[in-house]
Amino acid sequence: MPRIVWSKRYSVKVDELDGQHRRMAELVNDINDRISARDDRDKLLEGFSELIGFTGKHFATEEALMKKHRYPDYKKHKKEHKDLINLLQDIKKQFRRESESFSDFDYDLAADWLVIHADWFTVHLTHSDRDLGAFLHKNGVD
């Protein structure tokens, strides 16, 4: 999987959110490196758990800003967050179940799981989050 390279095209022009987005990209890249190195199962699961946890915290930050500034697309944006968290939790359960049933760790399944998150992240960032960032910036949030 290609690495996520942070660039200005990902910026939403809100420092706090950009910092969190950069951290999420770092976490995805770290897991990608662990998969490429064929790191052990527990370290990969730890990386996935950290990514899910950080993603949840990031979503809470965004949702608090949306509520505070009365973002008109709050419900739609929050649903996108909820849908991703549900998907990630389902995939993580499947990943655990399938990796426990094999004596060899399934690195291809881990890579597929990571691609789903990375793809969603880049699309969400360049569309929904960009719209949110423009709204927040217009309302004085930098």
N, C-alpha and C. Protein backbone atom coordinates (compact mmCIF):
# COMPACT_ATOMS: atom_id res chain seq x y z
N MET A 1 0.84 -1.17 0.00
CA MET A 1 0.00 0.00 0.00
C MET A 1 0.89 1.24 0.00
N PRO A 2 0.55 2.22 -0.83
CA PRO A 2 1.35 3.46 -0.81
C PRO A 2 1.18 4.19 0.51
N ARG A 3 2.23 4.87 0.91
CA ARG A 3 2.20 5.68 2.13
C ARG A 3 1.34 6.91 1.91
N ILE A 4 0.74 7.40 2.98
CA ILE A 4 0.03 8.67 2.92
C ILE A 4 1.06 9.76 3.19
N VAL A 5 1.29 10.59 2.20
CA VAL A 5 2.25 11.68 2.33
C VAL A 5 1.45 12.96 2.53
N TRP A 6 1.62 13.58 3.71
CA TRP A 6 0.87 14.79 4.03
C TRP A 6 1.25 15.90 3.06
N SER A 7 0.25 16.59 2.56
CA SER A 7 0.50 17.74 1.69
C SER A 7 -0.58 18.79 1.94
N LYS A 8 -0.38 19.95 1.37
CA LYS A 8 -1.33 21.05 1.55
C LYS A 8 -2.73 20.68 1.05
N ARG A 9 -2.81 19.78 0.10
CA ARG A 9 -4.13 19.41 -0.43
C ARG A 9 -5.01 18.75 0.64
N TYR A 10 -4.39 18.22 1.69
CA TYR A 10 -5.15 17.62 2.77
C TYR A 10 -5.54 18.61 3.86
N SER A 11 -4.96 19.79 3.83
CA SER A 11 -5.22 20.77 4.90
C SER A 11 -6.66 21.26 4.87
N VAL A 12 -7.25 21.35 6.07
CA VAL A 12 -8.60 21.91 6.21
C VAL A 12 -8.52 23.32 6.78
N LYS A 13 -7.31 23.80 6.97
CA LYS A 13 -7.03 25.17 7.44
C LYS A 13 -7.49 25.44 8.87
N VAL A 14 -7.57 24.37 9.65
CA VAL A 14 -7.84 24.47 11.09
C VAL A 14 -6.71 23.69 11.75
N ASP A 15 -5.83 24.40 12.46
CA ASP A 15 -4.60 23.80 12.97
C ASP A 15 -4.82 22.54 13.79
N GLU A 16 -5.77 22.57 14.71
CA GLU A 16 -6.00 21.40 15.56
C GLU A 16 -6.39 20.18 14.73
N LEU A 17 -7.27 20.37 13.76
CA LEU A 17 -7.71 19.25 12.93
C LEU A 17 -6.60 18.79 12.00
N ASP A 18 -5.86 19.73 11.42
CA ASP A 18 -4.73 19.34 10.57
C ASP A 18 -3.70 18.53 11.35
N GLY A 19 -3.42 18.92 12.57
CA GLY A 19 -2.48 18.16 13.40
C GLY A 19 -2.97 16.74 13.66
N GLN A 20 -4.25 16.61 13.94
CA GLN A 20 -4.81 15.27 14.16
C GLN A 20 -4.81 14.45 12.87
N HIS A 21 -5.12 15.10 11.76
CA HIS A 21 -5.11 14.38 10.48
C HIS A 21 -3.69 13.89 10.16
N ARG A 22 -2.69 14.74 10.43
CA ARG A 22 -1.31 14.32 10.20
C ARG A 22 -0.97 13.11 11.08
N ARG A 23 -1.42 13.12 12.33
CA ARG A 23 -1.15 12.00 13.24
C ARG A 23 -1.82 10.72 12.73
N MET A 24 -3.04 10.85 12.22
CA MET A 24 -3.71 9.66 11.68
C MET A 24 -2.93 9.10 10.49
N ALA A 25 -2.42 9.97 9.63
CA ALA A 25 -1.61 9.52 8.50
C ALA A 25 -0.36 8.80 9.00
N GLU A 26 0.27 9.33 10.05
CA GLU A 26 1.45 8.68 10.63
C GLU A 26 1.11 7.29 11.16
N LEU A 27 -0.03 7.16 11.81
CA LEU A 27 -0.44 5.86 12.35
C LEU A 27 -0.69 4.86 11.23
N VAL A 28 -1.34 5.30 10.16
CA VAL A 28 -1.57 4.42 9.00
C VAL A 28 -0.23 3.99 8.41
N ASN A 29 0.67 4.95 8.24
CA ASN A 29 1.99 4.62 7.68
C ASN A 29 2.78 3.68 8.58
N ASP A 30 2.66 3.86 9.90
CA ASP A 30 3.34 2.97 10.84
C ASP A 30 2.83 1.54 10.71
N ILE A 31 1.52 1.39 10.60
CA ILE A 31 0.96 0.04 10.44
C ILE A 31 1.41 -0.54 9.11
N ASN A 32 1.41 0.28 8.08
CA ASN A 32 1.87 -0.19 6.77
C ASN A 32 3.31 -0.70 6.86
N ASP A 33 4.16 0.03 7.57
CA ASP A 33 5.54 -0.40 7.76
C ASP A 33 5.61 -1.73 8.52
N ARG A 34 4.75 -1.88 9.53
CA ARG A 34 4.73 -3.13 10.31
C ARG A 34 4.31 -4.31 9.44
N ILE A 35 3.33 -4.07 8.55
CA ILE A 35 2.88 -5.14 7.65
C ILE A 35 4.02 -5.50 6.70
N SER A 36 4.66 -4.49 6.11
CA SER A 36 5.76 -4.74 5.17
C SER A 36 6.91 -5.50 5.83
N ALA A 37 7.16 -5.20 7.10
CA ALA A 37 8.24 -5.87 7.84
C ALA A 37 7.81 -7.23 8.39
N ARG A 38 6.55 -7.58 8.18
CA ARG A 38 5.99 -8.83 8.71
C ARG A 38 6.15 -8.88 10.23
N ASP A 39 5.84 -7.74 10.86
CA ASP A 39 5.90 -7.63 12.32
C ASP A 39 4.94 -8.65 12.94
N ASP A 40 5.10 -8.93 14.21
CA ASP A 40 4.26 -9.96 14.81
C ASP A 40 2.81 -9.47 14.99
N ARG A 41 1.94 -10.44 15.11
CA ARG A 41 0.48 -10.22 15.18
C ARG A 41 0.11 -9.25 16.29
N ASP A 42 0.65 -9.41 17.47
CA ASP A 42 0.27 -8.56 18.60
C ASP A 42 0.64 -7.10 18.37
N LYS A 43 1.80 -6.87 17.77
CA LYS A 43 2.20 -5.49 17.48
C LYS A 43 1.28 -4.86 16.43
N LEU A 44 0.86 -5.65 15.45
CA LEU A 44 -0.06 -5.12 14.44
C LEU A 44 -1.42 -4.82 15.06
N LEU A 45 -1.92 -5.73 15.87
CA LEU A 45 -3.22 -5.49 16.51
C LEU A 45 -3.14 -4.27 17.43
N GLU A 46 -2.02 -4.08 18.08
CA GLU A 46 -1.81 -2.90 18.93
C GLU A 46 -1.85 -1.63 18.08
N GLY A 47 -1.21 -1.66 16.92
CA GLY A 47 -1.23 -0.51 16.01
C GLY A 47 -2.63 -0.21 15.50
N PHE A 48 -3.37 -1.26 15.15
CA PHE A 48 -4.75 -1.07 14.69
C PHE A 48 -5.61 -0.48 15.81
N SER A 49 -5.44 -0.99 17.02
CA SER A 49 -6.21 -0.47 18.16
C SER A 49 -5.89 1.01 18.41
N GLU A 50 -4.61 1.36 18.31
CA GLU A 50 -4.23 2.76 18.49
C GLU A 50 -4.88 3.63 17.42
N LEU A 51 -4.89 3.16 16.19
CA LEU A 51 -5.50 3.92 15.10
C LEU A 51 -6.99 4.10 15.32
N ILE A 52 -7.68 3.05 15.71
CA ILE A 52 -9.13 3.15 15.96
C ILE A 52 -9.39 4.11 17.12
N GLY A 53 -8.62 3.98 18.19
CA GLY A 53 -8.81 4.86 19.34
C GLY A 53 -8.56 6.31 18.99
N PHE A 54 -7.48 6.58 18.25
CA PHE A 54 -7.18 7.96 17.87
C PHE A 54 -8.24 8.50 16.92
N THR A 55 -8.71 7.66 16.01
CA THR A 55 -9.76 8.07 15.08
C THR A 55 -11.01 8.48 15.85
N GLY A 56 -11.38 7.71 16.87
CA GLY A 56 -12.54 8.06 17.70
C GLY A 56 -12.35 9.39 18.41
N LYS A 57 -11.16 9.62 18.95
CA LYS A 57 -10.88 10.90 19.63
C LYS A 57 -10.93 12.05 18.64
N HIS A 58 -10.38 11.84 17.46
CA HIS A 58 -10.41 12.88 16.44
C HIS A 58 -11.86 13.21 16.05
N PHE A 59 -12.67 12.18 15.87
CA PHE A 59 -14.07 12.42 15.51
C PHE A 59 -14.78 13.20 16.61
N ALA A 60 -14.47 12.91 17.86
CA ALA A 60 -15.08 13.65 18.97
C ALA A 60 -14.69 15.12 18.91
N THR A 61 -13.44 15.41 18.55
CA THR A 61 -12.99 16.80 18.42
C THR A 61 -13.76 17.50 17.31
N GLU A 62 -13.85 16.85 16.16
CA GLU A 62 -14.58 17.45 15.04
C GLU A 62 -16.04 17.69 15.41
N GLU A 63 -16.66 16.69 16.03
CA GLU A 63 -18.08 16.80 16.35
C GLU A 63 -18.34 17.89 17.38
N ALA A 64 -17.43 18.08 18.32
CA ALA A 64 -17.58 19.16 19.30
C ALA A 64 -17.50 20.52 18.60
N LEU A 65 -16.57 20.66 17.66
CA LEU A 65 -16.47 21.91 16.91
C LEU A 65 -17.71 22.15 16.06
N MET A 66 -18.22 21.08 15.45
CA MET A 66 -19.43 21.22 14.62
C MET A 66 -20.61 21.68 15.47
N LYS A 67 -20.76 21.09 16.65
CA LYS A 67 -21.87 21.49 17.53
C LYS A 67 -21.69 22.92 18.02
N LYS A 68 -20.50 23.25 18.45
CA LYS A 68 -20.23 24.57 18.99
C LYS A 68 -20.53 25.67 17.97
N HIS A 69 -20.19 25.42 16.71
CA HIS A 69 -20.35 26.44 15.68
C HIS A 69 -21.58 26.21 14.81
N ARG A 70 -22.40 25.25 15.22
CA ARG A 70 -23.67 24.97 14.53
C ARG A 70 -23.48 24.67 13.05
N TYR A 71 -22.65 23.73 12.79
CA TYR A 71 -22.36 23.31 11.41
C TYR A 71 -23.63 22.73 10.79
N PRO A 72 -24.05 23.25 9.64
CA PRO A 72 -25.33 22.82 9.05
C PRO A 72 -25.35 21.35 8.61
N ASP A 73 -24.20 20.76 8.28
CA ASP A 73 -24.17 19.36 7.86
C ASP A 73 -23.72 18.42 8.99
N TYR A 74 -23.93 18.85 10.22
CA TYR A 74 -23.48 18.09 11.39
C TYR A 74 -23.97 16.63 11.36
N LYS A 75 -25.27 16.43 11.16
CA LYS A 75 -25.81 15.07 11.23
C LYS A 75 -25.21 14.17 10.15
N LYS A 76 -25.09 14.69 8.95
CA LYS A 76 -24.51 13.91 7.86
C LYS A 76 -23.05 13.57 8.15
N HIS A 77 -22.30 14.55 8.60
CA HIS A 77 -20.88 14.36 8.88
C HIS A 77 -20.69 13.36 10.03
N LYS A 78 -21.50 13.50 11.06
CA LYS A 78 -21.41 12.58 12.20
C LYS A 78 -21.76 11.15 11.78
N LYS A 79 -22.73 11.00 10.88
CA LYS A 79 -23.09 9.67 10.40
C LYS A 79 -21.92 9.04 9.64
N GLU A 80 -21.19 9.84 8.86
CA GLU A 80 -20.01 9.31 8.18
C GLU A 80 -19.00 8.79 9.20
N HIS A 81 -18.81 9.52 10.27
CA HIS A 81 -17.90 9.08 11.34
C HIS A 81 -18.38 7.77 11.95
N LYS A 82 -19.66 7.72 12.28
CA LYS A 82 -20.23 6.52 12.92
C LYS A 82 -20.09 5.31 11.99
N ASP A 83 -20.38 5.52 10.71
CA ASP A 83 -20.29 4.41 9.75
C ASP A 83 -18.86 3.87 9.68
N LEU A 84 -17.85 4.76 9.68
CA LEU A 84 -16.47 4.28 9.62
C LEU A 84 -16.10 3.53 10.90
N ILE A 85 -16.44 4.07 12.04
CA ILE A 85 -16.11 3.39 13.30
C ILE A 85 -16.76 1.99 13.33
N ASN A 86 -18.02 1.89 12.92
CA ASN A 86 -18.69 0.58 12.89
C ASN A 86 -17.98 -0.37 11.94
N LEU A 87 -17.59 0.14 10.76
CA LEU A 87 -16.89 -0.69 9.79
C LEU A 87 -15.55 -1.16 10.34
N LEU A 88 -14.80 -0.24 10.94
CA LEU A 88 -13.50 -0.60 11.48
C LEU A 88 -13.62 -1.63 12.60
N GLN A 89 -14.62 -1.47 13.44
CA GLN A 89 -14.81 -2.44 14.52
C GLN A 89 -15.19 -3.81 13.96
N ASP A 90 -16.04 -3.83 12.93
CA ASP A 90 -16.41 -5.11 12.30
C ASP A 90 -15.21 -5.77 11.66
N ILE A 91 -14.39 -4.99 10.96
CA ILE A 91 -13.21 -5.54 10.31
C ILE A 91 -12.21 -6.04 11.35
N LYS A 92 -12.06 -5.29 12.43
CA LYS A 92 -11.12 -5.72 13.47
C LYS A 92 -11.57 -7.05 14.08
N LYS A 93 -12.88 -7.20 14.31
CA LYS A 93 -13.39 -8.48 14.83
C LYS A 93 -13.10 -9.61 13.86
N GLN A 94 -13.37 -9.36 12.58
CA GLN A 94 -13.11 -10.38 11.56
C GLN A 94 -11.62 -10.70 11.51
N PHE A 95 -10.80 -9.68 11.58
CA PHE A 95 -9.35 -9.84 11.54
C PHE A 95 -8.88 -10.71 12.70
N ARG A 96 -9.36 -10.41 13.90
CA ARG A 96 -8.99 -11.20 15.07
C ARG A 96 -9.43 -12.65 14.93
N ARG A 97 -10.68 -12.81 14.51
CA ARG A 97 -11.26 -14.16 14.38
C ARG A 97 -10.47 -14.98 13.36
N GLU A 98 -10.22 -14.38 12.19
CA GLU A 98 -9.52 -15.12 11.14
C GLU A 98 -8.06 -15.34 11.47
N SER A 99 -7.42 -14.36 12.09
CA SER A 99 -5.99 -14.54 12.39
C SER A 99 -5.80 -15.55 13.51
N GLU A 100 -6.79 -15.71 14.38
CA GLU A 100 -6.67 -16.71 15.46
C GLU A 100 -6.88 -18.12 14.93
N SER A 101 -7.59 -18.24 13.79
CA SER A 101 -7.89 -19.57 13.28
C SER A 101 -6.77 -20.13 12.40
N PHE A 102 -5.80 -19.29 12.07
CA PHE A 102 -4.67 -19.73 11.26
C PHE A 102 -3.41 -19.76 12.11
N SER A 103 -2.55 -20.73 11.82
CA SER A 103 -1.29 -20.75 12.55
C SER A 103 -0.37 -19.64 12.04
N ASP A 104 -0.50 -19.27 10.78
CA ASP A 104 0.28 -18.16 10.22
C ASP A 104 -0.58 -16.91 10.20
N PHE A 105 0.04 -15.81 10.52
CA PHE A 105 -0.65 -14.53 10.54
C PHE A 105 -1.00 -14.12 9.11
N ASP A 106 -2.20 -13.61 8.89
CA ASP A 106 -2.66 -13.22 7.55
C ASP A 106 -2.33 -11.75 7.28
N TYR A 107 -1.16 -11.52 6.72
CA TYR A 107 -0.72 -10.14 6.44
C TYR A 107 -1.53 -9.51 5.32
N ASP A 108 -2.03 -10.32 4.39
CA ASP A 108 -2.86 -9.76 3.31
C ASP A 108 -4.16 -9.20 3.88
N LEU A 109 -4.76 -9.88 4.83
CA LEU A 109 -5.97 -9.39 5.47
C LEU A 109 -5.68 -8.09 6.22
N ALA A 110 -4.54 -8.03 6.89
CA ALA A 110 -4.16 -6.81 7.60
C ALA A 110 -3.98 -5.65 6.62
N ALA A 111 -3.36 -5.92 5.49
CA ALA A 111 -3.16 -4.88 4.48
C ALA A 111 -4.50 -4.42 3.91
N ASP A 112 -5.42 -5.35 3.65
CA ASP A 112 -6.76 -4.98 3.16
C ASP A 112 -7.46 -4.07 4.16
N TRP A 113 -7.36 -4.41 5.43
CA TRP A 113 -8.00 -3.63 6.50
C TRP A 113 -7.45 -2.22 6.49
N LEU A 114 -6.15 -2.10 6.34
CA LEU A 114 -5.50 -0.80 6.35
C LEU A 114 -5.90 0.02 5.12
N VAL A 115 -5.99 -0.61 3.97
CA VAL A 115 -6.38 0.09 2.75
C VAL A 115 -7.77 0.70 2.89
N ILE A 116 -8.69 -0.03 3.50
CA ILE A 116 -10.05 0.48 3.70
C ILE A 116 -10.00 1.78 4.51
N HIS A 117 -9.25 1.77 5.60
CA HIS A 117 -9.16 2.96 6.44
C HIS A 117 -8.46 4.10 5.70
N ALA A 118 -7.37 3.82 5.04
CA ALA A 118 -6.61 4.86 4.34
C ALA A 118 -7.42 5.48 3.21
N ASP A 119 -8.13 4.65 2.46
CA ASP A 119 -8.97 5.18 1.37
C ASP A 119 -10.08 6.06 1.92
N TRP A 120 -10.76 5.58 2.96
CA TRP A 120 -11.83 6.37 3.54
C TRP A 120 -11.26 7.69 4.06
N PHE A 121 -10.14 7.60 4.73
CA PHE A 121 -9.51 8.79 5.33
C PHE A 121 -9.22 9.85 4.27
N THR A 122 -8.59 9.47 3.17
CA THR A 122 -8.21 10.46 2.16
C THR A 122 -9.43 11.03 1.46
N VAL A 123 -10.44 10.22 1.18
CA VAL A 123 -11.66 10.73 0.54
C VAL A 123 -12.42 11.65 1.49
N HIS A 124 -12.59 11.22 2.73
CA HIS A 124 -13.32 12.03 3.72
C HIS A 124 -12.59 13.35 3.96
N LEU A 125 -11.29 13.28 4.03
CA LEU A 125 -10.48 14.47 4.29
C LEU A 125 -10.60 15.49 3.17
N THR A 126 -10.58 15.03 1.93
CA THR A 126 -10.59 15.95 0.80
C THR A 126 -11.99 16.39 0.40
N HIS A 127 -13.00 15.85 1.04
CA HIS A 127 -14.38 16.27 0.73
C HIS A 127 -15.08 16.81 1.99
N SER A 128 -15.56 15.93 2.81
CA SER A 128 -16.35 16.34 3.98
C SER A 128 -15.56 17.24 4.93
N ASP A 129 -14.32 16.84 5.24
CA ASP A 129 -13.53 17.64 6.19
C ASP A 129 -13.09 18.97 5.58
N ARG A 130 -12.87 18.99 4.29
CA ARG A 130 -12.51 20.26 3.64
C ARG A 130 -13.69 21.23 3.75
N ASP A 131 -14.91 20.73 3.54
CA ASP A 131 -16.11 21.59 3.69
C ASP A 131 -16.25 22.08 5.13
N LEU A 132 -16.04 21.18 6.07
CA LEU A 132 -16.10 21.55 7.49
C LEU A 132 -15.04 22.60 7.80
N GLY A 133 -13.82 22.39 7.35
CA GLY A 133 -12.75 23.32 7.60
C GLY A 133 -13.05 24.72 7.05
N ALA A 134 -13.61 24.76 5.84
CA ALA A 134 -13.96 26.06 5.24
C ALA A 134 -15.02 26.75 6.09
N PHE A 135 -16.00 26.00 6.57
CA PHE A 135 -17.05 26.57 7.42
C PHE A 135 -16.45 27.10 8.72
N LEU A 136 -15.61 26.29 9.37
CA LEU A 136 -15.01 26.70 10.64
C LEU A 136 -14.10 27.91 10.44
N HIS A 137 -13.31 27.87 9.38
CA HIS A 137 -12.40 28.99 9.11
C HIS A 137 -13.21 30.29 8.88
N LYS A 138 -14.29 30.17 8.17
CA LYS A 138 -15.17 31.33 7.92
C LYS A 138 -15.76 31.87 9.22
N ASN A 139 -15.89 30.96 10.21
CA ASN A 139 -16.44 31.36 11.51
C ASN A 139 -15.36 31.64 12.56
N GLY A 140 -14.15 31.91 12.07
CA GLY A 140 -13.10 32.38 12.96
C GLY A 140 -12.25 31.32 13.63
N VAL A 141 -12.38 30.07 13.23
CA VAL A 141 -11.58 28.99 13.82
C VAL A 141 -10.36 28.76 12.93
N ASP A 142 -9.17 28.91 13.49
CA ASP A 142 -7.94 28.69 12.69
C ASP A 142 -7.17 27.50 13.20
